[in-house]
N, C-alpha and C. Protein backbone atom coordinates (compact mmCIF):
# COMPACT_ATOMS: atom_id res chain seq x y z
N MET A 1 -20.67 132.92 4.86
CA MET A 1 -20.13 132.13 4.16
C MET A 1 -20.52 132.04 2.68
N SER A 2 -21.80 131.31 3.02
CA SER A 2 -21.66 131.02 1.00
C SER A 2 -21.42 132.38 0.39
N CYS A 3 -22.37 133.51 0.51
CA CYS A 3 -21.89 134.80 -0.15
C CYS A 3 -20.55 134.52 -0.60
N ILE A 4 -19.64 134.79 0.34
CA ILE A 4 -17.55 134.89 0.61
C ILE A 4 -17.79 133.76 -0.73
N GLU A 5 -18.63 132.50 -0.43
CA GLU A 5 -18.08 131.81 -1.46
C GLU A 5 -18.35 131.77 -3.40
N LYS A 6 -19.41 132.94 -2.68
CA LYS A 6 -19.85 132.75 -4.70
C LYS A 6 -19.70 134.02 -4.58
N GLY A 7 -18.33 135.06 -4.05
CA GLY A 7 -17.94 135.96 -4.13
C GLY A 7 -16.56 135.60 -5.18
N ILE A 8 -16.21 134.63 -4.45
CA ILE A 8 -14.80 134.03 -4.73
C ILE A 8 -14.75 133.37 -5.85
N ASN A 9 -15.79 133.17 -6.03
CA ASN A 9 -15.84 131.90 -7.51
C ASN A 9 -17.25 132.38 -8.34
N GLU A 10 -16.76 133.97 -8.52
CA GLU A 10 -17.49 134.34 -9.62
C GLU A 10 -16.66 134.91 -10.71
N ILE A 11 -15.45 134.36 -11.21
CA ILE A 11 -14.95 134.61 -11.78
C ILE A 11 -14.26 133.27 -11.89
N ASN A 12 -14.18 132.88 -11.17
CA ASN A 12 -14.04 130.74 -11.60
C ASN A 12 -12.51 131.00 -11.84
N VAL A 13 -11.83 131.63 -10.90
CA VAL A 13 -10.47 131.57 -10.72
C VAL A 13 -10.03 130.60 -10.09
N ALA A 14 -9.92 130.03 -8.60
CA ALA A 14 -9.77 129.76 -7.81
C ALA A 14 -10.73 129.17 -6.59
N ASP A 15 -10.56 127.67 -6.73
CA ASP A 15 -12.04 126.82 -6.17
C ASP A 15 -12.31 127.92 -4.73
N PRO A 16 -13.28 127.99 -4.59
CA PRO A 16 -13.33 128.69 -3.39
C PRO A 16 -13.08 128.08 -1.51
N GLN A 17 -13.41 126.86 -1.85
CA GLN A 17 -13.33 126.33 -0.65
C GLN A 17 -12.45 126.33 -0.58
N ASP A 18 -11.22 126.31 -0.97
CA ASP A 18 -10.24 126.34 -0.55
C ASP A 18 -9.23 127.76 0.57
N VAL A 19 -9.50 128.07 -0.95
CA VAL A 19 -9.99 129.91 -0.46
C VAL A 19 -10.18 130.29 1.29
N LEU A 20 -11.35 129.79 1.13
CA LEU A 20 -12.04 130.36 2.41
C LEU A 20 -11.23 129.16 3.43
N ASP A 21 -10.61 127.88 3.25
CA ASP A 21 -9.61 127.18 4.00
C ASP A 21 -8.66 127.62 4.38
N LEU A 22 -8.12 128.18 3.34
CA LEU A 22 -6.44 128.35 3.46
C LEU A 22 -6.30 129.73 4.22
N ALA A 23 -7.38 130.43 4.27
CA ALA A 23 -6.99 132.21 4.07
C ALA A 23 -7.69 131.79 6.05
N ASP A 24 -8.48 131.04 5.69
CA ASP A 24 -9.15 130.63 7.46
C ASP A 24 -10.04 131.82 7.58
N LEU A 25 -10.94 132.52 6.45
CA LEU A 25 -11.97 133.24 6.30
C LEU A 25 -12.96 133.53 7.48
N GLY A 26 -13.62 134.67 7.88
CA GLY A 26 -14.75 135.50 8.72
C GLY A 26 -15.17 135.78 8.18
N TYR A 27 -16.70 135.99 8.23
CA TYR A 27 -17.35 137.34 8.34
C TYR A 27 -18.07 138.03 9.74
N CYS A 28 -17.25 139.18 9.43
CA CYS A 28 -17.21 140.03 10.46
C CYS A 28 -19.01 141.15 10.87
N GLN A 29 -20.18 140.44 11.86
CA GLN A 29 -20.66 141.00 11.67
C GLN A 29 -20.98 142.41 12.32
N LEU A 30 -20.39 142.44 13.02
CA LEU A 30 -20.17 144.30 13.47
C LEU A 30 -19.98 144.92 11.96
N PHE A 31 -18.91 145.11 11.79
CA PHE A 31 -18.46 145.56 10.77
C PHE A 31 -18.65 145.82 8.96
N LYS A 32 -19.40 144.31 8.82
CA LYS A 32 -19.90 144.40 7.84
C LYS A 32 -18.83 143.67 6.54
N PHE A 33 -17.86 143.09 6.33
CA PHE A 33 -16.68 142.78 5.67
C PHE A 33 -15.96 141.35 6.17
N LYS A 34 -15.32 140.53 4.84
CA LYS A 34 -14.78 139.17 5.26
C LYS A 34 -13.18 139.57 6.13
N CYS A 35 -12.38 138.45 6.84
CA CYS A 35 -11.35 138.53 7.45
C CYS A 35 -10.74 137.31 7.54
N ALA A 36 -9.07 137.60 7.79
CA ALA A 36 -8.94 137.18 7.37
C ALA A 36 -8.28 136.28 9.13
N ALA A 37 -8.02 135.05 9.31
CA ALA A 37 -7.95 134.43 10.95
C ALA A 37 -6.31 135.02 11.29
N ALA A 38 -5.54 135.47 10.47
CA ALA A 38 -4.24 136.04 10.77
C ALA A 38 -4.10 137.06 11.29
N ARG A 39 -5.37 138.34 10.65
CA ARG A 39 -5.37 139.42 11.26
C ARG A 39 -5.90 139.66 12.59
N THR A 40 -5.71 140.73 13.71
CA THR A 40 -6.25 141.13 14.45
C THR A 40 -6.98 142.69 14.37
N CYS A 41 -7.72 141.85 15.17
CA CYS A 41 -8.62 143.37 15.05
C CYS A 41 -9.23 143.78 16.80
N ASP A 42 -8.55 145.27 17.58
CA ASP A 42 -9.08 145.38 18.99
C ASP A 42 -10.72 146.03 18.83
N ALA A 43 -11.59 146.28 18.00
CA ALA A 43 -12.80 145.89 17.74
C ALA A 43 -13.70 145.09 18.13
N TRP A 44 -13.33 144.23 18.62
CA TRP A 44 -14.57 142.66 19.09
C TRP A 44 -15.09 142.49 20.05
N LEU A 45 -16.50 142.22 19.79
CA LEU A 45 -17.73 142.18 21.40
C LEU A 45 -17.41 140.77 21.90
N HIS A 46 -17.62 141.35 23.11
CA HIS A 46 -17.52 139.61 23.84
C HIS A 46 -18.42 138.53 23.17
N GLY A 47 -18.68 137.17 23.48
CA GLY A 47 -19.34 136.71 23.31
C GLY A 47 -19.13 135.55 22.61
N GLY A 48 -18.03 135.35 21.37
CA GLY A 48 -17.55 134.46 20.28
C GLY A 48 -18.25 134.57 19.32
N PRO A 49 -18.88 133.68 19.02
CA PRO A 49 -18.98 133.64 17.33
C PRO A 49 -20.39 133.37 17.75
N ILE A 50 -20.86 134.03 17.16
CA ILE A 50 -22.90 134.04 16.61
C ILE A 50 -23.14 132.93 16.44
N ARG A 51 -23.80 132.15 17.06
CA ARG A 51 -24.56 130.98 17.04
C ARG A 51 -26.28 130.58 17.21
N ASP A 52 -26.54 129.83 16.25
CA ASP A 52 -28.21 129.82 16.27
C ASP A 52 -28.75 129.09 17.62
N GLN A 53 -27.55 128.13 18.13
CA GLN A 53 -28.25 127.71 19.63
C GLN A 53 -28.19 128.56 20.77
N GLN A 54 -28.84 128.87 21.84
CA GLN A 54 -29.17 129.28 23.01
C GLN A 54 -28.07 128.83 23.95
N ARG A 55 -27.32 129.58 24.79
CA ARG A 55 -25.97 129.21 25.61
C ARG A 55 -27.03 129.09 26.74
N GLU A 56 -26.19 128.11 27.59
CA GLU A 56 -26.83 128.26 29.39
C GLU A 56 -26.79 129.29 29.60
N PRO A 57 -27.44 130.09 31.61
CA PRO A 57 -27.86 130.72 31.78
C PRO A 57 -26.12 130.61 32.50
N ALA A 58 -25.87 131.61 32.81
CA ALA A 58 -24.24 131.37 33.29
C ALA A 58 -24.61 131.17 35.37
N SER A 59 -24.23 131.17 35.87
CA SER A 59 -23.91 131.12 37.48
C SER A 59 -23.31 132.52 37.46
N GLU A 60 -24.00 132.88 39.05
CA GLU A 60 -23.37 134.20 39.32
C GLU A 60 -22.50 134.36 39.08
N ALA A 61 -21.02 133.71 39.80
CA ALA A 61 -19.22 133.94 40.24
C ALA A 61 -19.36 133.58 38.53
N GLY A 62 -20.00 132.86 37.66
CA GLY A 62 -19.22 133.06 35.94
C GLY A 62 -19.61 134.72 35.46
N VAL A 63 -20.47 134.80 36.19
CA VAL A 63 -21.46 136.47 35.13
C VAL A 63 -20.24 137.39 35.83
N GLU A 64 -19.96 137.29 37.15
CA GLU A 64 -18.78 138.05 38.15
C GLU A 64 -17.87 137.89 37.36
N ASN A 65 -17.13 136.86 37.19
CA ASN A 65 -15.74 136.84 36.33
C ASN A 65 -15.73 136.83 35.30
N GLU A 66 -16.57 136.63 34.09
CA GLU A 66 -16.96 137.52 33.33
C GLU A 66 -16.57 138.80 32.69
N LEU A 67 -17.57 139.30 33.76
CA LEU A 67 -17.38 141.00 33.60
C LEU A 67 -16.08 141.29 34.52
N THR A 68 -15.46 140.71 34.68
CA THR A 68 -13.92 141.51 35.47
C THR A 68 -13.50 141.19 34.46
N ASP A 69 -13.09 139.91 33.56
CA ASP A 69 -12.45 140.04 32.60
C ASP A 69 -13.08 140.47 31.79
N ILE A 70 -14.33 141.52 30.89
CA ILE A 70 -14.09 141.99 30.30
C ILE A 70 -13.78 143.53 30.46
N VAL A 71 -14.20 144.11 31.86
CA VAL A 71 -13.87 145.35 31.94
C VAL A 71 -11.84 145.46 32.63
N SER A 72 -11.86 144.47 31.98
CA SER A 72 -10.09 144.13 31.90
C SER A 72 -9.43 144.23 30.77
N GLN A 73 -10.16 143.84 30.20
CA GLN A 73 -10.02 144.12 28.89
C GLN A 73 -9.97 145.18 27.81
N LEU A 74 -11.31 145.99 28.40
CA LEU A 74 -11.54 147.47 27.81
C LEU A 74 -10.13 148.13 28.76
N ASP A 75 -9.88 147.76 30.09
CA ASP A 75 -9.19 148.92 30.62
C ASP A 75 -7.68 148.39 29.57
N LYS A 76 -7.33 147.81 29.28
CA LYS A 76 -6.08 147.43 28.78
C LYS A 76 -6.04 147.90 27.26
N ALA A 77 -7.04 148.10 26.20
CA ALA A 77 -7.90 148.97 25.21
C ALA A 77 -7.54 150.61 25.15
N SER A 78 -8.26 150.79 26.10
CA SER A 78 -8.51 152.05 26.17
C SER A 78 -6.46 152.84 26.86
N GLN A 79 -6.55 151.45 26.95
CA GLN A 79 -3.98 152.26 27.23
C GLN A 79 -4.12 152.28 26.72
N THR A 80 -4.11 151.18 25.30
CA THR A 80 -3.14 151.42 24.13
C THR A 80 -3.90 152.24 23.32
N HIS A 81 -5.38 152.65 23.97
CA HIS A 81 -5.25 153.78 22.31
C HIS A 81 -5.04 154.72 23.48
N ARG A 82 -4.31 155.31 24.38
CA ARG A 82 -4.18 156.80 25.28
C ARG A 82 -3.32 156.83 24.54
N LYS A 83 -2.00 155.13 24.71
CA LYS A 83 -0.40 155.54 24.36
C LYS A 83 -0.63 156.28 22.94
N GLN A 84 -2.05 155.61 21.91
CA GLN A 84 -2.05 156.08 20.12
C GLN A 84 -1.80 157.93 20.16
N ALA A 85 -2.90 157.62 21.03
CA ALA A 85 -3.62 159.22 21.17
C ALA A 85 -2.38 160.34 20.95
N ASN A 86 -1.67 159.55 21.73
CA ASN A 86 -0.04 160.41 22.87
C ASN A 86 1.00 160.30 21.84
N ARG A 87 1.22 159.48 21.76
CA ARG A 87 2.12 159.21 19.76
C ARG A 87 1.96 159.93 18.63
N LEU A 88 0.36 160.68 18.19
CA LEU A 88 0.13 161.13 17.04
C LEU A 88 0.25 162.90 17.52
N GLU A 89 -0.22 162.45 18.69
CA GLU A 89 0.01 163.95 19.42
C GLU A 89 1.43 164.38 19.61
N MET A 90 2.75 163.67 19.71
CA MET A 90 3.95 164.14 19.46
C MET A 90 4.51 164.13 18.23
N ILE A 91 3.74 163.59 17.36
CA ILE A 91 4.58 163.58 16.06
C ILE A 91 3.45 165.19 15.53
N LYS A 92 2.62 165.16 16.27
CA LYS A 92 1.34 166.31 15.09
C LYS A 92 3.08 167.68 16.01
N ASN A 93 2.97 167.67 17.37
CA ASN A 93 3.65 168.29 17.73
C ASN A 93 4.94 168.72 17.02
N SER A 94 5.73 167.55 16.99
CA SER A 94 7.25 168.05 16.19
C SER A 94 6.90 168.33 14.91
N MET A 95 6.34 167.84 13.89
CA MET A 95 5.99 168.11 12.86
C MET A 95 5.47 169.72 12.78
N GLY A 96 4.90 170.51 13.47
CA GLY A 96 4.33 171.81 13.94
C GLY A 96 3.40 172.03 13.08
N VAL A 97 2.81 171.31 13.38
CA VAL A 97 0.79 170.87 13.33
C VAL A 97 0.05 172.16 14.23
N ASN A 98 -0.35 172.46 13.58
CA ASN A 98 -2.07 173.11 14.60
C ASN A 98 -3.39 172.84 14.22
N GLY A 99 -3.59 172.23 15.68
CA GLY A 99 -4.49 171.26 15.68
C GLY A 99 -6.01 172.16 15.53
């Protein structure tokens, strides 16, 4: 976050802390870019924000529930991606584009 703040303040156009707060900026550790909380991303990793503190060991039932939730979310994302692929294929066919 300090790197983002330094970048915002590079030409002294705005108060970096105000920009960070108003845009609710964060940093994507997976794709290495800054993003705003108002944006959405389908490519998230389970586990929440990276923290320095260790997590408490989960109970067996808690792990099973968490895994079930992850599988459900991945299935939903897969369905969305299949629908998008089908739409693209229909558009391609309607345009007469050969693959």
